[in-house]
Amino acid sequence: MMSDPDLHPPQMPPEMPFPAPLRANARFMRTHPAHWLSLGFGSGLSPVAPGTAGTLWAWAAYALLDTWLNPLEMGVLILLTTLLGWWACTFTAKRLQMPDPSNIVVDEVAAFWLILWLIAPADFWQQLVAFVLFRFFDAVKPGPVGWADRRFHDSGFGWKGGFGIMLDDFVAAFCTLLCLAAWRHFSQVVL
């Protein structure tokens, strides 16, 4: 006697759950050069505010590099960091199985370097204002920064996802530069 397929459907194997996201740590960082770059050479491993830690690392690294590189060389370094950062973000996000891990900070590094490069020469206090504004725009994500973050947030783990990781920080950099330009303009008008 044959069984009715509607009464006894074939047994399907249980669905394979998605693997749990990996945790970024020093051991993970050492497994691939892309992880070193994307995690800001360890600054993104900070347990508290990794984006702020990465931006502070970027500021210190820029101050050091600025003593050796002329403006053109610094611009080329920023461009290379952006392009390699895009690749590293894509690779590391895929390995961590998260679309935009907070430990990835090369986006903050490249964007903050761009700000410092474009406002040069700037004293410590001007750079501090740039730092605070950039962190505000990157963390709070008002207006266009939030749009850029949402636009590519669910783009998966391909090149588009890596671009999205970088994009919102460059929009935050643009907003920072706009505020700094307005500040410089209006402070000259008042004086």
Protein backbone atom coordinates (compact mmCIF):
# COMPACT_ATOMS: atom_id res chain seq x y z
CA MET A 1 0.00 0.00 0.00
CA MET A 2 1.37 3.41 -1.01
CA SER A 3 1.20 6.39 1.28
CA ASP A 4 -0.46 9.60 0.28
CA PRO A 5 2.18 12.36 -0.22
CA ASP A 6 -0.15 14.97 1.28
CA LEU A 7 -0.47 12.96 4.49
CA HIS A 8 3.21 12.16 4.77
CA PRO A 9 5.33 14.83 3.07
CA PRO A 10 8.96 13.94 2.47
CA GLN A 11 11.22 14.87 5.36
CA MET A 12 13.28 17.97 4.62
CA PRO A 13 16.60 18.52 6.33
CA PRO A 14 16.42 21.23 9.01
CA GLU A 15 17.28 24.68 7.70
CA MET A 16 20.84 25.67 8.23
CA PRO A 17 20.88 28.76 10.44
CA PHE A 18 23.01 31.70 9.42
CA PRO A 19 26.34 31.52 11.20
CA ALA A 20 26.65 33.86 14.15
CA PRO A 21 28.67 37.01 13.47
CA LEU A 22 32.31 36.76 14.42
CA ARG A 23 33.80 39.00 17.04
CA ALA A 24 36.57 41.38 16.04
CA ASN A 25 39.54 40.96 18.34
CA ALA A 26 43.33 40.98 18.11
CA ARG A 27 43.41 37.36 16.98
CA PHE A 28 40.91 38.08 14.18
CA MET A 29 42.84 41.21 13.16
CA ARG A 30 46.06 39.22 12.72
CA THR A 31 44.47 36.77 10.24
CA HIS A 32 44.53 39.08 7.20
CA PRO A 33 46.06 42.44 6.15
CA ALA A 34 42.59 43.76 5.27
CA HIS A 35 41.61 43.33 8.91
CA TRP A 36 44.62 45.36 10.08
CA LEU A 37 43.66 48.22 7.80
CA SER A 38 39.90 48.11 8.33
CA LEU A 39 40.26 47.90 12.12
CA GLY A 40 42.56 50.92 12.17
CA PHE A 41 45.62 48.91 13.23
CA GLY A 42 43.79 47.94 16.41
CA SER A 43 42.13 51.25 17.28
CA GLY A 44 38.77 49.84 16.20
CA LEU A 45 39.07 47.11 18.83
CA SER A 46 38.34 49.63 21.58
CA PRO A 47 35.49 48.26 23.72
CA VAL A 48 34.08 51.78 24.10
CA ALA A 49 33.35 54.07 21.13
CA PRO A 50 35.55 52.39 18.50
CA GLY A 51 34.71 55.12 15.97
CA THR A 52 36.02 57.78 18.32
CA ALA A 53 39.11 55.69 19.08
CA GLY A 54 39.72 55.25 15.35
CA THR A 55 39.35 58.99 14.75
CA LEU A 56 41.79 59.77 17.59
CA TRP A 57 44.24 57.29 16.04
CA ALA A 58 43.72 58.99 12.67
CA TRP A 59 44.48 62.39 14.21
CA ALA A 60 47.70 61.15 15.85
CA ALA A 61 48.81 59.32 12.69
CA TYR A 62 48.10 62.41 10.58
CA ALA A 63 50.18 64.59 12.91
CA LEU A 64 53.08 62.17 12.52
CA LEU A 65 52.71 61.72 8.75
CA ASP A 66 52.36 65.48 8.24
CA THR A 67 55.97 65.92 9.40
CA TRP A 68 57.24 63.66 6.58
CA LEU A 69 54.82 64.11 3.69
CA ASN A 70 54.16 67.19 1.58
CA PRO A 71 50.52 68.10 0.79
CA LEU A 72 50.51 66.24 -2.54
CA GLU A 73 51.91 63.06 -0.98
CA MET A 74 49.34 63.33 1.82
CA GLY A 75 46.56 63.66 -0.76
CA VAL A 76 47.79 60.55 -2.57
CA LEU A 77 47.94 58.68 0.76
CA ILE A 78 44.35 59.70 1.53
CA LEU A 79 43.21 58.52 -1.91
CA LEU A 80 45.03 55.19 -1.51
CA THR A 81 43.66 54.76 2.01
CA THR A 82 40.15 55.38 0.68
CA LEU A 83 40.47 52.85 -2.14
CA LEU A 84 42.22 50.21 -0.03
CA GLY A 85 39.79 50.98 2.79
CA TRP A 86 36.84 50.27 0.50
CA TRP A 87 38.35 46.86 -0.28
CA ALA A 88 39.25 46.21 3.39
CA CYS A 89 35.76 47.21 4.59
CA THR A 90 34.15 44.89 2.05
CA PHE A 91 36.42 41.98 2.97
CA THR A 92 36.26 42.42 6.75
CA ALA A 93 32.49 43.01 6.93
CA LYS A 94 31.99 39.79 4.98
CA ARG A 95 34.32 37.88 7.30
CA LEU A 96 32.60 39.33 10.39
CA GLN A 97 29.21 38.52 8.80
CA MET A 98 27.89 42.00 9.64
CA PRO A 99 26.94 44.73 7.11
CA ASP A 100 28.61 47.62 8.99
CA PRO A 101 30.59 46.48 12.04
CA SER A 102 31.38 49.29 14.48
CA ASN A 103 34.95 47.95 14.76
CA ILE A 104 35.68 48.91 11.16
CA VAL A 105 37.24 52.37 11.46
CA VAL A 106 39.26 52.89 8.28
CA ASP A 107 36.26 54.91 7.06
CA GLU A 108 36.76 57.33 9.97
CA VAL A 109 40.51 57.40 9.33
CA ALA A 110 40.25 58.29 5.64
CA ALA A 111 37.44 60.83 6.17
CA PHE A 112 39.16 62.58 9.09
CA TRP A 113 42.46 62.68 7.22
CA LEU A 114 40.61 64.37 4.37
CA ILE A 115 39.25 67.00 6.77
CA LEU A 116 42.67 67.69 8.30
CA TRP A 117 44.27 67.87 4.87
CA LEU A 118 41.68 70.33 3.54
CA ILE A 119 41.72 72.66 6.56
CA ALA A 120 45.52 72.85 6.73
CA PRO A 121 47.18 74.84 8.06
CA ALA A 122 45.13 74.51 11.22
CA ASP A 123 46.20 74.86 14.83
CA PHE A 124 45.31 72.41 17.60
CA TRP A 125 42.06 74.18 18.52
CA GLN A 126 40.80 74.25 14.94
CA GLN A 127 41.62 70.55 14.61
CA LEU A 128 39.82 69.88 17.90
CA VAL A 129 36.71 71.65 16.61
CA ALA A 130 36.98 69.56 13.41
CA PHE A 131 37.27 66.40 15.53
CA VAL A 132 34.20 67.25 17.63
CA LEU A 133 32.11 68.20 14.60
CA PHE A 134 33.13 65.09 12.69
CA ARG A 135 32.35 62.80 15.62
CA PHE A 136 28.98 64.53 16.04
CA PHE A 137 28.04 64.07 12.38
CA ASP A 138 29.35 60.49 12.27
CA ALA A 139 27.71 59.35 15.52
CA VAL A 140 24.37 61.19 15.38
CA LYS A 141 24.01 60.92 11.58
CA PRO A 142 21.73 63.91 11.01
CA GLY A 143 20.21 64.65 7.60
CA PRO A 144 22.43 63.67 4.69
CA VAL A 145 24.73 61.53 6.85
CA GLY A 146 21.77 59.42 7.98
CA TRP A 147 20.55 59.15 4.38
CA ALA A 148 23.99 57.92 3.24
CA ASP A 149 24.11 55.42 6.09
CA ARG A 150 20.64 54.03 5.34
CA ARG A 151 21.12 54.08 1.55
CA PHE A 152 23.68 51.27 1.52
CA HIS A 153 23.17 49.69 4.94
CA ASP A 154 21.38 46.60 3.61
CA SER A 155 23.52 46.21 0.50
CA GLY A 156 25.01 42.93 1.62
CA PHE A 157 28.65 42.03 1.74
CA GLY A 158 29.75 42.97 -1.77
CA TRP A 159 31.51 46.07 -3.07
CA LYS A 160 28.32 48.09 -2.66
CA GLY A 161 28.26 47.28 1.07
CA GLY A 162 31.91 48.30 1.46
CA PHE A 163 31.16 51.54 -0.38
CA GLY A 164 28.28 52.19 2.01
CA ILE A 165 30.55 51.73 5.02
CA MET A 166 32.85 54.43 3.64
CA LEU A 167 30.19 56.78 2.24
CA ASP A 168 28.47 57.99 5.40
CA ASP A 169 31.84 59.02 6.89
CA PHE A 170 32.71 61.03 3.80
CA VAL A 171 29.30 62.74 3.98
CA ALA A 172 30.03 63.44 7.68
CA ALA A 173 33.38 64.90 6.56
CA PHE A 174 31.61 67.11 4.00
CA CYS A 175 29.19 68.38 6.67
CA THR A 176 32.13 69.05 8.99
CA LEU A 177 33.97 70.98 6.27
CA LEU A 178 30.81 72.96 5.49
CA CYS A 179 30.47 73.99 9.15
CA LEU A 180 34.15 74.91 9.36
CA ALA A 181 33.93 76.98 6.18
CA ALA A 182 30.87 78.82 7.53
CA TRP A 183 32.68 79.40 10.84
CA ARG A 184 35.74 80.83 9.04
CA HIS A 185 33.57 82.99 6.78
CA PHE A 186 31.37 84.43 9.52
CA SER A 187 34.25 84.94 11.94
CA GLN A 188 35.97 87.11 9.31
CA VAL A 189 32.75 89.04 8.63
CA VAL A 190 32.26 89.80 12.34
CA LEU A 191 35.87 90.88 12.83
